[in-house]
Amino acid sequence: MKLNSLPKTVIKKKKRVGRGHGSGRVKTAGRGTKGQKARGSIKPMFEGGQLPLTKKLPFSRGKSRNNPLVKTPLIINVKRLNQLPSGTVITNESLIKYGILSKNCQNEPVKILGEGELKVALTVKLPTSQGAKEKIAKAGGKVEVK
């Protein structure tokens, strides 16, 4: 066995600065002398006093400015509801229970659209499209909108 083939067992600890003369990093604590960086922390977006980029850009006007406030609904087609037993009341909780929605979608808005055929009579308590309402009624179910 040679010294250069031994595994390393020493883990260097973080240098604690400004802890007296014995520490090796005393007065300026490794920051050098004077200047902006020696005195305190600077915000990452700070540009040295010049007008920041965010203030140079124009205001966001028009239709797209309110988009983040409006949640788009999760879309479920009628053909996905065939796997549910007949007579089921369809809400967000029942869709999660039968595995159509994931658990983190509990408070998300859901809308049912009319793609495919429905063969099971269901009671729907969610927003639906006109085509989905017709197909649910044709299958013997009903739509109860809040």
Protein backbone atom coordinates (compact mmCIF):
# COMPACT_ATOMS: atom_id res chain seq x y z
CA MET A 1 0.00 0.00 0.00
CA LYS A 2 1.28 3.43 -0.94
CA LEU A 3 0.46 6.79 0.55
CA ASN A 4 -0.90 8.12 -2.73
CA SER A 5 -3.37 5.23 -3.05
CA LEU A 6 -4.99 5.67 0.38
CA PRO A 7 -8.59 6.86 0.41
CA LYS A 8 -9.21 10.38 1.60
CA THR A 9 -10.62 10.50 5.12
CA VAL A 10 -10.36 14.23 5.78
CA ILE A 11 -13.35 16.43 4.97
CA LYS A 12 -12.55 20.14 4.92
CA LYS A 13 -14.91 22.19 7.03
CA LYS A 14 -16.26 25.55 5.93
CA LYS A 15 -13.92 28.41 6.79
CA ARG A 16 -15.41 30.56 9.57
CA VAL A 17 -14.37 34.13 8.85
CA GLY A 18 -13.95 37.00 11.29
CA ARG A 19 -13.34 34.79 14.34
CA GLY A 20 -10.11 36.19 15.71
CA HIS A 21 -6.41 36.15 14.84
CA GLY A 22 -6.00 32.39 15.15
CA SER A 23 -8.49 31.75 12.37
CA GLY A 24 -6.31 33.23 9.60
CA ARG A 25 -9.15 35.39 8.30
CA VAL A 26 -9.40 38.32 10.65
CA LYS A 27 -9.97 41.97 9.78
CA THR A 28 -11.42 41.97 6.27
CA ALA A 29 -12.38 38.29 6.34
CA GLY A 30 -11.05 37.58 2.86
CA ARG A 31 -13.05 40.33 1.14
CA GLY A 32 -10.11 42.59 0.39
CA THR A 33 -10.13 46.25 1.38
CA LYS A 34 -12.89 48.75 0.73
CA GLY A 35 -15.32 48.81 -2.15
CA GLN A 36 -18.93 47.85 -2.58
CA LYS A 37 -18.39 44.09 -2.43
CA ALA A 38 -16.37 44.34 0.77
CA ARG A 39 -19.06 46.18 2.69
CA GLY A 40 -22.23 44.16 2.31
CA SER A 41 -24.42 42.07 0.06
CA ILE A 42 -25.57 43.34 -3.34
CA LYS A 43 -28.87 42.27 -4.87
CA PRO A 44 -28.36 39.90 -7.83
CA MET A 45 -30.26 42.18 -10.22
CA PHE A 46 -28.44 45.35 -9.11
CA GLU A 47 -26.76 47.02 -12.10
CA GLY A 48 -24.51 49.52 -10.35
CA GLY A 49 -26.91 52.45 -10.21
CA GLN A 50 -27.85 52.44 -13.89
CA LEU A 51 -31.53 52.15 -14.75
CA PRO A 52 -32.48 48.49 -14.26
CA LEU A 53 -33.57 46.37 -17.21
CA THR A 54 -37.02 45.84 -15.68
CA LYS A 55 -37.62 49.58 -15.66
CA LYS A 56 -36.42 49.99 -19.24
CA LEU A 57 -39.06 47.59 -20.58
CA PRO A 58 -42.54 48.89 -21.46
CA PHE A 59 -45.62 48.11 -19.39
CA SER A 60 -47.47 45.00 -20.43
CA ARG A 61 -50.78 46.26 -21.77
CA GLY A 62 -53.70 44.57 -23.47
CA LYS A 63 -55.46 41.23 -23.15
CA SER A 64 -52.55 39.09 -21.98
CA ARG A 65 -51.80 40.97 -18.76
CA ASN A 66 -54.56 39.25 -16.79
CA ASN A 67 -53.92 35.74 -18.10
CA PRO A 68 -52.12 34.46 -14.99
CA LEU A 69 -55.20 35.30 -12.90
CA VAL A 70 -57.58 33.12 -14.94
CA LYS A 71 -57.27 29.36 -14.47
CA THR A 72 -57.99 27.32 -17.57
CA PRO A 73 -60.15 24.30 -16.74
CA LEU A 74 -58.91 20.73 -17.00
CA ILE A 75 -60.70 19.05 -19.90
CA ILE A 76 -62.26 15.59 -19.61
CA ASN A 77 -64.07 14.05 -22.55
CA VAL A 78 -67.29 12.06 -22.23
CA LYS A 79 -65.62 8.85 -23.46
CA ARG A 80 -63.42 8.80 -20.33
CA LEU A 81 -66.53 8.59 -18.12
CA ASN A 82 -67.50 5.13 -19.49
CA GLN A 83 -65.25 3.43 -16.91
CA LEU A 84 -67.40 4.74 -14.02
CA PRO A 85 -70.30 2.66 -12.63
CA SER A 86 -73.79 3.77 -13.61
CA GLY A 87 -75.58 6.17 -11.26
CA THR A 88 -72.36 7.83 -10.11
CA VAL A 89 -72.51 11.51 -9.15
CA ILE A 90 -69.58 13.18 -10.92
CA THR A 91 -67.66 15.78 -8.94
CA ASN A 92 -63.94 16.49 -8.58
CA GLU A 93 -63.79 14.05 -5.63
CA SER A 94 -65.40 11.19 -7.54
CA LEU A 95 -63.08 11.74 -10.53
CA ILE A 96 -60.10 11.52 -8.17
CA LYS A 97 -61.55 8.42 -6.50
CA TYR A 98 -61.86 6.56 -9.83
CA GLY A 99 -58.42 7.67 -11.05
CA ILE A 100 -59.45 10.03 -13.84
CA LEU A 101 -57.90 13.04 -12.06
CA SER A 102 -54.79 13.06 -9.90
CA LYS A 103 -54.95 14.05 -6.22
CA ASN A 104 -53.24 17.41 -6.73
CA CYS A 105 -56.09 18.50 -9.06
CA GLN A 106 -58.63 18.61 -6.22
CA ASN A 107 -59.27 22.37 -6.36
CA GLU A 108 -58.72 22.83 -10.11
CA PRO A 109 -61.65 23.77 -12.34
CA VAL A 110 -62.85 20.88 -14.55
CA LYS A 111 -65.00 20.99 -17.70
CA ILE A 112 -66.54 18.01 -19.48
CA LEU A 113 -66.51 18.06 -23.27
CA GLY A 114 -68.48 15.91 -25.70
CA GLU A 115 -65.86 13.87 -27.58
CA GLY A 116 -66.74 10.17 -27.85
CA GLU A 117 -69.82 8.21 -26.85
CA LEU A 118 -71.27 7.71 -23.37
CA LYS A 119 -72.94 4.37 -22.51
CA VAL A 120 -73.45 4.85 -18.76
CA ALA A 121 -76.14 6.93 -17.01
CA LEU A 122 -74.41 9.48 -14.77
CA THR A 123 -75.31 12.58 -12.76
CA VAL A 124 -72.84 15.39 -13.57
CA LYS A 125 -72.30 18.31 -11.18
CA LEU A 126 -69.53 19.98 -13.19
CA PRO A 127 -69.58 22.53 -16.03
CA THR A 128 -70.20 20.81 -19.36
CA SER A 129 -70.29 21.79 -23.00
CA GLN A 130 -73.54 21.73 -24.98
CA GLY A 131 -72.53 18.58 -26.86
CA ALA A 132 -71.63 16.81 -23.62
CA LYS A 133 -75.01 17.72 -22.09
CA GLU A 134 -76.79 16.14 -25.05
CA LYS A 135 -74.75 12.93 -24.86
CA ILE A 136 -75.25 12.61 -21.08
CA ALA A 137 -79.01 13.08 -21.49
CA LYS A 138 -79.06 10.57 -24.38
CA ALA A 139 -77.35 7.98 -22.16
CA GLY A 140 -80.02 8.44 -19.45
CA GLY A 141 -78.08 10.73 -17.13
CA LYS A 142 -78.60 14.32 -16.11
CA VAL A 143 -76.56 17.50 -15.64
CA GLU A 144 -76.97 19.53 -12.45
CA VAL A 145 -75.08 22.80 -12.86
CA LYS A 146 -74.49 24.90 -9.73
